[in-house]
Amino acid sequence: MPNQVVILSATGVTSPFSGTACDVYGNNCSYIGSGTTFPVLFILPSQFDTAPALQLTLTDSLGCSISEIIYCTGGGGPDKQFQNLEYFFFMSGDIYQFQ
């Protein structure tokens, strides 16, 4: 199963918005989808299957962007999870809300 990105909420984002995933240096970017409401689910391209971190950017309809570098906090394998403890919650397959 590919890695999935679930964004439960974001502050200051005007719908509709689009998502882009890049490496931590802001290179090798891929469009991962769009949304109008939260939560929103994006499927990460295979280039991120083994990535220890990634940069996720949301760009809204006003052209404003929110960008975060997300680090892998899981043990690898199919349950690899990403989180930044603020906006984004990542999981491969299942949706978890971290507290």
PDB file of N, CA and C in Angstrom:
ATOM      1  N   MET A   1       0.845  -1.172   0.000  1.00  0.00           N
ATOM      2  CA  MET A   1       0.000   0.000   0.000  1.00  0.00           C
ATOM      3  C   MET A   1       0.895   1.240   0.000  1.00  0.00           C
ATOM      4  N   PRO A   2       0.594   2.214  -0.855  1.00  0.00           N
ATOM      5  CA  PRO A   2       1.415   3.430  -0.880  1.00  0.00           C
ATOM      6  C   PRO A   2       1.219   4.254   0.388  1.00  0.00           C
ATOM      7  N   ASN A   3       2.205   5.083   0.690  1.00  0.00           N
ATOM      8  CA  ASN A   3       2.075   5.966   1.846  1.00  0.00           C
ATOM      9  C   ASN A   3       1.011   7.010   1.568  1.00  0.00           C
ATOM     10  N   GLN A   4       0.187   7.246   2.563  1.00  0.00           N
ATOM     11  CA  GLN A   4      -0.890   8.213   2.449  1.00  0.00           C
ATOM     12  C   GLN A   4      -0.632   9.371   3.397  1.00  0.00           C
ATOM     13  N   VAL A   5      -1.046  10.559   2.991  1.00  0.00           N
ATOM     14  CA  VAL A   5      -0.947  11.756   3.805  1.00  0.00           C
ATOM     15  C   VAL A   5      -2.365  12.167   4.165  1.00  0.00           C
ATOM     16  N   VAL A   6      -2.646  12.259   5.440  1.00  0.00           N
ATOM     17  CA  VAL A   6      -3.946  12.741   5.894  1.00  0.00           C
ATOM     18  C   VAL A   6      -3.714  14.042   6.647  1.00  0.00           C
ATOM     19  N   ILE A   7      -4.281  15.111   6.157  1.00  0.00           N
ATOM     20  CA  ILE A   7      -4.184  16.405   6.831  1.00  0.00           C
ATOM     21  C   ILE A   7      -5.529  16.645   7.501  1.00  0.00           C
ATOM     22  N   LEU A   8      -5.521  16.663   8.812  1.00  0.00           N
ATOM     23  CA  LEU A   8      -6.768  16.813   9.548  1.00  0.00           C
ATOM     24  C   LEU A   8      -7.260  18.254   9.566  1.00  0.00           C
ATOM     25  N   SER A   9      -6.338  19.207   9.629  1.00  0.00           N
ATOM     26  CA  SER A   9      -6.735  20.615   9.618  1.00  0.00           C
ATOM     27  C   SER A   9      -5.528  21.481   9.306  1.00  0.00           C
ATOM     28  N   ALA A  10      -5.799  22.706   8.889  1.00  0.00           N
ATOM     29  CA  ALA A  10      -4.757  23.702   8.667  1.00  0.00           C
ATOM     30  C   ALA A  10      -5.386  25.072   8.876  1.00  0.00           C
ATOM     31  N   THR A  11      -4.673  25.946   9.532  1.00  0.00           N
ATOM     32  CA  THR A  11      -5.173  27.285   9.830  1.00  0.00           C
ATOM     33  C   THR A  11      -4.775  28.257   8.730  1.00  0.00           C
ATOM     34  N   GLY A  12      -5.714  29.090   8.299  1.00  0.00           N
ATOM     35  CA  GLY A  12      -5.417  30.128   7.324  1.00  0.00           C
ATOM     36  C   GLY A  12      -5.366  29.667   5.890  1.00  0.00           C
ATOM     37  N   VAL A  13      -5.925  28.507   5.588  1.00  0.00           N
ATOM     38  CA  VAL A  13      -5.931  27.983   4.222  1.00  0.00           C
ATOM     39  C   VAL A  13      -7.310  28.231   3.614  1.00  0.00           C
ATOM     40  N   THR A  14      -7.343  28.938   2.477  1.00  0.00           N
ATOM     41  CA  THR A  14      -8.591  29.259   1.785  1.00  0.00           C
ATOM     42  C   THR A  14      -8.822  28.247   0.666  1.00  0.00           C
ATOM     43  N   SER A  15     -10.000  27.632   0.661  1.00  0.00           N
ATOM     44  CA  SER A  15     -10.338  26.622  -0.345  1.00  0.00           C
ATOM     45  C   SER A  15     -10.555  27.258  -1.701  1.00  0.00           C
ATOM     46  N   PRO A  16     -10.301  26.504  -2.773  1.00  0.00           N
ATOM     47  CA  PRO A  16      -9.655  25.181  -2.795  1.00  0.00           C
ATOM     48  C   PRO A  16      -8.141  25.326  -2.618  1.00  0.00           C
ATOM     49  N   PHE A  17      -7.499  24.217  -2.276  1.00  0.00           N
ATOM     50  CA  PHE A  17      -6.058  24.209  -2.059  1.00  0.00           C
ATOM     51  C   PHE A  17      -5.442  23.008  -2.758  1.00  0.00           C
ATOM     52  N   SER A  18      -4.137  23.075  -2.994  1.00  0.00           N
ATOM     53  CA  SER A  18      -3.433  21.956  -3.617  1.00  0.00           C
ATOM     54  C   SER A  18      -2.264  21.548  -2.743  1.00  0.00           C
ATOM     55  N   GLY A  19      -1.827  20.302  -2.891  1.00  0.00           N
ATOM     56  CA  GLY A  19      -0.718  19.776  -2.112  1.00  0.00           C
ATOM     57  C   GLY A  19       0.452  19.386  -2.995  1.00  0.00           C
ATOM     58  N   THR A  20       1.649  19.671  -2.499  1.00  0.00           N
ATOM     59  CA  THR A  20       2.885  19.313  -3.194  1.00  0.00           C
ATOM     60  C   THR A  20       3.835  18.686  -2.194  1.00  0.00           C
ATOM     61  N   ALA A  21       4.454  17.585  -2.561  1.00  0.00           N
ATOM     62  CA  ALA A  21       5.459  16.920  -1.725  1.00  0.00           C
ATOM     63  C   ALA A  21       6.816  17.047  -2.410  1.00  0.00           C
ATOM     64  N   CYS A  22       7.843  17.425  -1.630  1.00  0.00           N
ATOM     65  CA  CYS A  22       9.203  17.586  -2.144  1.00  0.00           C
ATOM     66  C   CYS A  22      10.173  16.907  -1.182  1.00  0.00           C
ATOM     67  N   ASP A  23      11.424  16.757  -1.617  1.00  0.00           N
ATOM     68  CA  ASP A  23      12.425  16.318  -0.649  1.00  0.00           C
ATOM     69  C   ASP A  23      12.676  17.474   0.320  1.00  0.00           C
ATOM     70  N   VAL A  24      13.457  17.240   1.363  1.00  0.00           N
ATOM     71  CA  VAL A  24      13.636  18.254   2.408  1.00  0.00           C
ATOM     72  C   VAL A  24      14.343  19.505   1.918  1.00  0.00           C
ATOM     73  N   TYR A  25      14.963  19.453   0.754  1.00  0.00           N
ATOM     74  CA  TYR A  25      15.644  20.612   0.190  1.00  0.00           C
ATOM     75  C   TYR A  25      14.734  21.417  -0.740  1.00  0.00           C
ATOM     76  N   GLY A  26      13.488  20.964  -0.920  1.00  0.00           N
ATOM     77  CA  GLY A  26      12.554  21.638  -1.807  1.00  0.00           C
ATOM     78  C   GLY A  26      12.709  21.247  -3.263  1.00  0.00           C
ATOM     79  N   ASN A  27      13.419  20.147  -3.515  1.00  0.00           N
ATOM     80  CA  ASN A  27      13.634  19.645  -4.876  1.00  0.00           C
ATOM     81  C   ASN A  27      12.797  18.384  -5.103  1.00  0.00           C
ATOM     82  N   ASN A  28      12.807  17.899  -6.330  1.00  0.00           N
ATOM     83  CA  ASN A  28      12.101  16.657  -6.690  1.00  0.00           C
ATOM     84  C   ASN A  28      10.641  16.696  -6.240  1.00  0.00           C
ATOM     85  N   CYS A  29       9.959  17.784  -6.547  1.00  0.00           N
ATOM     86  CA  CYS A  29       8.583  17.994  -6.104  1.00  0.00           C
ATOM     87  C   CYS A  29       7.583  17.259  -6.984  1.00  0.00           C
ATOM     88  N   SER A  30       6.495  16.831  -6.360  1.00  0.00           N
ATOM     89  CA  SER A  30       5.399  16.170  -7.067  1.00  0.00           C
ATOM     90  C   SER A  30       4.074  16.714  -6.551  1.00  0.00           C
ATOM     91  N   TYR A  31       3.194  17.030  -7.488  1.00  0.00           N
ATOM     92  CA  TYR A  31       1.827  17.410  -7.134  1.00  0.00           C
ATOM     93  C   TYR A  31       1.147  16.170  -6.563  1.00  0.00           C
ATOM     94  N   ILE A  32       0.494  16.307  -5.394  1.00  0.00           N
ATOM     95  CA  ILE A  32      -0.126  15.129  -4.774  1.00  0.00           C
ATOM     96  C   ILE A  32      -1.644  15.227  -4.679  1.00  0.00           C
ATOM     97  N   GLY A  33      -2.220  16.336  -5.135  1.00  0.00           N
ATOM     98  CA  GLY A  33      -3.676  16.424  -5.161  1.00  0.00           C
ATOM     99  C   GLY A  33      -4.195  17.764  -4.689  1.00  0.00           C
ATOM    100  N   SER A  34      -5.521  17.828  -4.573  1.00  0.00           N
ATOM    101  CA  SER A  34      -6.165  19.065  -4.138  1.00  0.00           C
ATOM    102  C   SER A  34      -7.338  18.730  -3.226  1.00  0.00           C
ATOM    103  N   GLY A  35      -7.871  19.756  -2.597  1.00  0.00           N
ATOM    104  CA  GLY A  35      -9.007  19.559  -1.710  1.00  0.00           C
ATOM    105  C   GLY A  35      -9.749  20.850  -1.480  1.00  0.00           C
ATOM    106  N   THR A  36     -10.919  20.715  -0.861  1.00  0.00           N
ATOM    107  CA  THR A  36     -11.720  21.886  -0.506  1.00  0.00           C
ATOM    108  C   THR A  36     -12.068  21.908   0.972  1.00  0.00           C
ATOM    109  N   THR A  37     -11.976  20.760   1.639  1.00  0.00           N
ATOM    110  CA  THR A  37     -12.288  20.674   3.070  1.00  0.00           C
ATOM    111  C   THR A  37     -11.279  19.760   3.755  1.00  0.00           C
ATOM    112  N   PHE A  38     -11.231  19.846   5.067  1.00  0.00           N
ATOM    113  CA  PHE A  38     -10.393  18.962   5.876  1.00  0.00           C
ATOM    114  C   PHE A  38     -11.287  18.013   6.651  1.00  0.00           C
ATOM    115  N   PRO A  39     -10.861  16.804   6.911  1.00  0.00           N
ATOM    116  CA  PRO A  39      -9.566  16.221   6.536  1.00  0.00           C
ATOM    117  C   PRO A  39      -9.492  15.933   5.042  1.00  0.00           C
ATOM    118  N   VAL A  40      -8.265  15.910   4.533  1.00  0.00           N
ATOM    119  CA  VAL A  40      -8.018  15.597   3.132  1.00  0.00           C
ATOM    120  C   VAL A  40      -6.933  14.518   3.065  1.00  0.00           C
ATOM    121  N   LEU A  41      -7.068  13.612   2.120  1.00  0.00           N
ATOM    122  CA  LEU A  41      -6.132  12.498   1.974  1.00  0.00           C
ATOM    123  C   LEU A  41      -5.379  12.637   0.657  1.00  0.00           C
ATOM    124  N   PHE A  42      -4.060  12.551   0.720  1.00  0.00           N
ATOM    125  CA  PHE A  42      -3.210  12.559  -0.461  1.00  0.00           C
ATOM    126  C   PHE A  42      -2.423  11.252  -0.503  1.00  0.00           C
ATOM    127  N   ILE A  43      -2.173  10.734  -1.693  1.00  0.00           N
ATOM    128  CA  ILE A  43      -1.327   9.557  -1.887  1.00  0.00           C
ATOM    129  C   ILE A  43       0.052  10.047  -2.312  1.00  0.00           C
ATOM    130  N   LEU A  44       1.084   9.640  -1.573  1.00  0.00           N
ATOM    131  CA  LEU A  44       2.449  10.037  -1.914  1.00  0.00           C
ATOM    132  C   LEU A  44       2.980   9.191  -3.064  1.00  0.00           C
ATOM    133  N   PRO A  45       3.722   9.796  -3.989  1.00  0.00           N
ATOM    134  CA  PRO A  45       4.356   9.021  -5.058  1.00  0.00           C
ATOM    135  C   PRO A  45       5.422   8.083  -4.485  1.00  0.00           C
ATOM    136  N   SER A  46       5.778   7.079  -5.244  1.00  0.00           N
ATOM    137  CA  SER A  46       6.714   6.050  -4.773  1.00  0.00           C
ATOM    138  C   SER A  46       8.090   6.601  -4.423  1.00  0.00           C
ATOM    139  N   GLN A  47       8.464   7.781  -4.945  1.00  0.00           N
ATOM    140  CA  GLN A  47       9.773   8.351  -4.612  1.00  0.00           C
ATOM    141  C   GLN A  47       9.912   8.630  -3.112  1.00  0.00           C
ATOM    142  N   PHE A  48       8.802   8.669  -2.372  1.00  0.00           N
ATOM    143  CA  PHE A  48       8.840   8.928  -0.929  1.00  0.00           C
ATOM    144  C   PHE A  48       8.705   7.658  -0.090  1.00  0.00           C
ATOM    145  N   ASP A  49       8.649   6.489  -0.726  1.00  0.00           N
ATOM    146  CA  ASP A  49       8.472   5.240   0.017  1.00  0.00           C
ATOM    147  C   ASP A  49       9.569   4.995   1.044  1.00  0.00           C
ATOM    148  N   THR A  50      10.787   5.388   0.752  1.00  0.00           N
ATOM    149  CA  THR A  50      11.899   5.149   1.675  1.00  0.00           C
ATOM    150  C   THR A  50      12.468   6.451   2.236  1.00  0.00           C
ATOM    151  N   ALA A  51      11.785   7.563   2.014  1.00  0.00           N
ATOM    152  CA  ALA A  51      12.299   8.866   2.469  1.00  0.00           C
ATOM    153  C   ALA A  51      12.209   8.981   3.988  1.00  0.00           C
ATOM    154  N   PRO A  52      13.285   9.442   4.636  1.00  0.00           N
ATOM    155  CA  PRO A  52      13.236   9.655   6.089  1.00  0.00           C
ATOM    156  C   PRO A  52      12.499  10.942   6.455  1.00  0.00           C
ATOM    157  N   ALA A  53      12.289  11.824   5.477  1.00  0.00           N
ATOM    158  CA  ALA A  53      11.587  13.087   5.695  1.00  0.00           C
ATOM    159  C   ALA A  53      11.132  13.639   4.353  1.00  0.00           C
ATOM    160  N   LEU A  54      10.198  14.591   4.394  1.00  0.00           N
ATOM    161  CA  LEU A  54       9.747  15.247   3.188  1.00  0.00           C
ATOM    162  C   LEU A  54       9.252  16.636   3.530  1.00  0.00           C
ATOM    163  N   GLN A  55       9.121  17.462   2.517  1.00  0.00           N
ATOM    164  CA  GLN A  55       8.565  18.798   2.689  1.00  0.00           C
ATOM    165  C   GLN A  55       7.185  18.795   2.054  1.00  0.00           C
ATOM    166  N   LEU A  56       6.167  19.151   2.834  1.00  0.00           N
ATOM    167  CA  LEU A  56       4.801  19.181   2.343  1.00  0.00           C
ATOM    168  C   LEU A  56       4.330  20.626   2.281  1.00  0.00           C
ATOM    169  N   THR A  57       3.777  21.017   1.138  1.00  0.00           N
ATOM    170  CA  THR A  57       3.312  22.393   0.949  1.00  0.00           C
ATOM    171  C   THR A  57       1.860  22.381   0.513  1.00  0.00           C
ATOM    172  N   LEU A  58       1.044  23.191   1.182  1.00  0.00           N
ATOM    173  CA  LEU A  58      -0.320  23.453   0.750  1.00  0.00           C
ATOM    174  C   LEU A  58      -0.349  24.864   0.173  1.00  0.00           C
ATOM    175  N   THR A  59      -0.928  25.010  -1.015  1.00  0.00           N
ATOM    176  CA  THR A  59      -1.092  26.323  -1.642  1.00  0.00           C
ATOM    177  C   THR A  59      -2.582  26.552  -1.840  1.00  0.00           C
ATOM    178  N   ASP A  60      -3.082  27.666  -1.286  1.00  0.00           N
ATOM    179  CA  ASP A  60      -4.519  27.896  -1.348  1.00  0.00           C
ATOM    180  C   ASP A  60      -4.910  28.750  -2.545  1.00  0.00           C
ATOM    181  N   SER A  61      -6.210  29.038  -2.660  1.00  0.00           N
ATOM    182  CA  SER A  61      -6.740  29.754  -3.819  1.00  0.00           C
ATOM    183  C   SER A  61      -6.284  31.204  -3.891  1.00  0.00           C
ATOM    184  N   LEU A  62      -5.739  31.737  -2.798  1.00  0.00           N
ATOM    185  CA  LEU A  62      -5.215  33.105  -2.791  1.00  0.00           C
ATOM    186  C   LEU A  62      -3.731  33.145  -3.134  1.00  0.00           C
ATOM    187  N   GLY A  63      -3.139  31.965  -3.351  1.00  0.00           N
ATOM    188  CA  GLY A  63      -1.715  31.877  -3.659  1.00  0.00           C
ATOM    189  C   GLY A  63      -0.821  31.804  -2.431  1.00  0.00           C
ATOM    190  N   CYS A  64      -1.425  31.731  -1.253  1.00  0.00           N
ATOM    191  CA  CYS A  64      -0.647  31.613  -0.011  1.00  0.00           C
ATOM    192  C   CYS A  64      -0.245  30.155   0.202  1.00  0.00           C
ATOM    193  N   SER A  65       0.952  29.955   0.740  1.00  0.00           N
ATOM    194  CA  SER A  65       1.469  28.601   0.956  1.00  0.00           C
ATOM    195  C   SER A  65       1.837  28.376   2.413  1.00  0.00           C
ATOM    196  N   ILE A  66       1.587  27.167   2.873  1.00  0.00           N
ATOM    197  CA  ILE A  66       2.042  26.687   4.176  1.00  0.00           C
ATOM    198  C   ILE A  66       2.935  25.496   3.878  1.00  0.00           C
ATOM    199  N   SER A  67       4.141  25.509   4.397  1.00  0.00           N
ATOM    200  CA  SER A  67       5.095  24.450   4.106  1.00  0.00           C
ATOM    201  C   SER A  67       5.720  23.951   5.394  1.00  0.00           C
ATOM    202  N   GLU A  68       5.853  22.654   5.525  1.00  0.00           N
ATOM    203  CA  GLU A  68       6.451  22.024   6.700  1.00  0.00           C
ATOM    204  C   GLU A  68       7.367  20.894   6.271  1.00  0.00           C
ATOM    205  N   ILE A  69       8.468  20.731   6.975  1.00  0.00           N
ATOM    206  CA  ILE A  69       9.306  19.547   6.786  1.00  0.00           C
ATOM    207  C   ILE A  69       8.840  18.517   7.802  1.00  0.00           C
ATOM    208  N   ILE A  70       8.524  17.352   7.314  1.00  0.00           N
ATOM    209  CA  ILE A  70       7.966  16.278   8.125  1.00  0.00           C
ATOM    210  C   ILE A  70       8.990  15.167   8.234  1.00  0.00           C
ATOM    211  N   TYR A  71       9.283  14.716   9.451  1.00  0.00           N
ATOM    212  CA  TYR A  71      10.264  13.654   9.678  1.00  0.00           C
ATOM    213  C   TYR A  71       9.560  12.342   9.995  1.00  0.00           C
ATOM    214  N   CYS A  72      10.116  11.264   9.525  1.00  0.00           N
ATOM    215  CA  CYS A  72       9.575   9.942   9.808  1.00  0.00           C
ATOM    216  C   CYS A  72       9.797   9.636  11.281  1.00  0.00           C
ATOM    217  N   THR A  73       8.737   9.227  11.977  1.00  0.00           N
ATOM    218  CA  THR A  73       8.864   8.890  13.393  1.00  0.00           C
ATOM    219  C   THR A  73       8.557   7.429  13.665  1.00  0.00           C
ATOM    220  N   GLY A  74       8.254   6.677  12.621  1.00  0.00           N
ATOM    221  CA  GLY A  74       7.916   5.267  12.794  1.00  0.00           C
ATOM    222  C   GLY A  74       9.138   4.382  12.691  1.00  0.00           C
ATOM    223  N   GLY A  75       8.904   3.107  12.778  1.00  0.00           N
ATOM    224  CA  GLY A  75       9.986   2.147  12.727  1.00  0.00           C
ATOM    225  C   GLY A  75      10.288   1.648  11.331  1.00  0.00           C
ATOM    226  N   GLY A  76       9.769   2.330  10.306  1.00  0.00           N
ATOM    227  CA  GLY A  76       9.965   1.878   8.937  1.00  0.00           C
ATOM    228  C   GLY A  76       8.935   0.833   8.568  1.00  0.00           C
ATOM    229  N   GLY A  77       9.070   0.256   7.411  1.00  0.00           N
ATOM    230  CA  GLY A  77       8.132  -0.777   6.982  1.00  0.00           C
ATOM    231  C   GLY A  77       6.778  -0.200   6.612  1.00  0.00           C
ATOM    232  N   PRO A  78       5.764  -1.049   6.548  1.00  0.00           N
ATOM    233  CA  PRO A  78       4.468  -0.605   6.048  1.00  0.00           C
ATOM    234  C   PRO A  78       3.732   0.352   6.968  1.00  0.00           C
ATOM    235  N   ASP A  79       4.118   0.428   8.237  1.00  0.00           N
ATOM    236  CA  ASP A  79       3.426   1.322   9.158  1.00  0.00           C
ATOM    237  C   ASP A  79       4.190   2.613   9.389  1.00  0.00           C
ATOM    238  N   LYS A  80       5.076   2.969   8.476  1.00  0.00           N
ATOM    239  CA  LYS A  80       5.844   4.200   8.630  1.00  0.00           C
ATOM    240  C   LYS A  80       4.892   5.377   8.774  1.00  0.00           C
ATOM    241  N   GLN A  81       5.143   6.221   9.768  1.00  0.00           N
ATOM    242  CA  GLN A  81       4.290   7.384   9.968  1.00  0.00           C
ATOM    243  C   GLN A  81       5.126   8.647   9.977  1.00  0.00           C
ATOM    244  N   PHE A  82       4.507   9.730   9.549  1.00  0.00           N
ATOM    245  CA  PHE A  82       5.148  11.034   9.555  1.00  0.00           C
ATOM    246  C   PHE A  82       4.290  11.960  10.402  1.00  0.00           C
ATOM    247  N   GLN A  83       4.912  12.850  11.143  1.00  0.00           N
ATOM    248  CA  GLN A  83       4.154  13.860  11.849  1.00  0.00           C
ATOM    249  C   GLN A  83       5.043  15.045  12.171  1.00  0.00           C
ATOM    250  N   ASN A  84       4.440  16.196  12.319  1.00  0.00           N
ATOM    251  CA  ASN A  84       5.190  17.358  12.764  1.00  0.00           C
ATOM    252  C   ASN A  84       4.597  17.943  14.037  1.00  0.00           C
ATOM    253  N   LEU A  85       3.616  17.281  14.593  1.00  0.00           N
ATOM    254  CA  LEU A  85       2.966  17.651  15.849  1.00  0.00           C
ATOM    255  C   LEU A  85       2.211  18.968  15.774  1.00  0.00           C
ATOM    256  N   GLU A  86       1.986  19.492  14.554  1.00  0.00           N
ATOM    257  CA  GLU A  86       1.250  20.746  14.463  1.00  0.00           C
ATOM    258  C   GLU A  86       0.095  20.648  13.482  1.00  0.00           C
ATOM    259  N   TYR A  87       0.377  20.469  12.183  1.00  0.00           N
ATOM    260  CA  TYR A  87      -0.679  20.497  11.187  1.00  0.00           C
ATOM    261  C   TYR A  87      -0.994  19.144  10.564  1.00  0.00           C
ATOM    262  N   PHE A  88       0.042  18.346  10.335  1.00  0.00           N
ATOM    263  CA  PHE A  88      -0.133  17.202   9.460  1.00  0.00           C
ATOM    264  C   PHE A  88       0.033  15.897  10.216  1.00  0.00           C
ATOM    265  N   PHE A  89      -0.769  14.933   9.851  1.00  0.00           N
ATOM    266  CA  PHE A  89      -0.695  13.611  10.448  1.00  0.00           C
ATOM    267  C   PHE A  89      -0.604  12.611   9.313  1.00  0.00           C
ATOM    268  N   PHE A  90       0.457  11.795   9.314  1.00  0.00           N
ATOM    269  CA  PHE A  90       0.745  10.892   8.214  1.00  0.00           C
ATOM    270  C   PHE A  90       0.667   9.456   8.699  1.00  0.00           C
ATOM    271  N   MET A  91       0.214   8.588   7.840  1.00  0.00           N
ATOM    272  CA  MET A  91       0.211   7.172   8.182  1.00  0.00           C
ATOM    273  C   MET A  91       0.078   6.382   6.893  1.00  0.00           C
ATOM    274  N   SER A  92       0.613   5.231   6.865  1.00  0.00           N
ATOM    275  CA  SER A  92       0.483   4.367   5.712  1.00  0.00           C
ATOM    276  C   SER A  92      -0.769   3.517   5.883  1.00  0.00           C
ATOM    277  N   GLY A  93      -1.866   3.961   5.312  1.00  0.00           N
ATOM    278  CA  GLY A  93      -3.093   3.189   5.364  1.00  0.00           C
ATOM    279  C   GLY A  93      -4.079   3.660   6.404  1.00  0.00           C
ATOM    280  N   ASP A  94      -3.704   3.650   7.674  1.00  0.00           N
ATOM    281  CA  ASP A  94      -4.611   3.991   8.752  1.00  0.00           C
ATOM    282  C   ASP A  94      -4.476   5.464   9.115  1.00  0.00           C
ATOM    283  N   ILE A  95      -5.558   6.019   9.630  1.00  0.00           N
ATOM    284  CA  ILE A  95      -5.542   7.414  10.073  1.00  0.00           C
ATOM    285  C   ILE A  95      -5.434   7.426  11.587  1.00  0.00           C
ATOM    286  N   TYR A  96      -4.438   8.133  12.105  1.00  0.00           N
ATOM    287  CA  TYR A  96      -4.247   8.280  13.548  1.00  0.00           C
ATOM    288  C   TYR A  96      -4.241   9.747  13.908  1.00  0.00           C
ATOM    289  N   GLN A  97      -4.822  10.089  15.046  1.00  0.00           N
ATOM    290  CA  GLN A  97      -4.688  11.433  15.557  1.00  0.00           C
ATOM    291  C   GLN A  97      -3.748  11.398  16.736  1.00  0.00           C
ATOM    292  N   PHE A  98      -2.627  12.083  16.623  1.00  0.00           N
ATOM    293  CA  PHE A  98      -1.621  12.092  17.681  1.00  0.00           C
ATOM    294  C   PHE A  98      -1.967  13.157  18.701  1.00  0.00           C
ATOM    295  N   GLN A  99      -1.704  12.858  19.959  1.00  0.00           N
ATOM    296  CA  GLN A  99      -2.022  13.811  21.023  1.00  0.00           C
ATOM    297  C   GLN A  99      -0.792  14.128  21.821  1.00  0.00           C
TER     298      GLN A  99
END
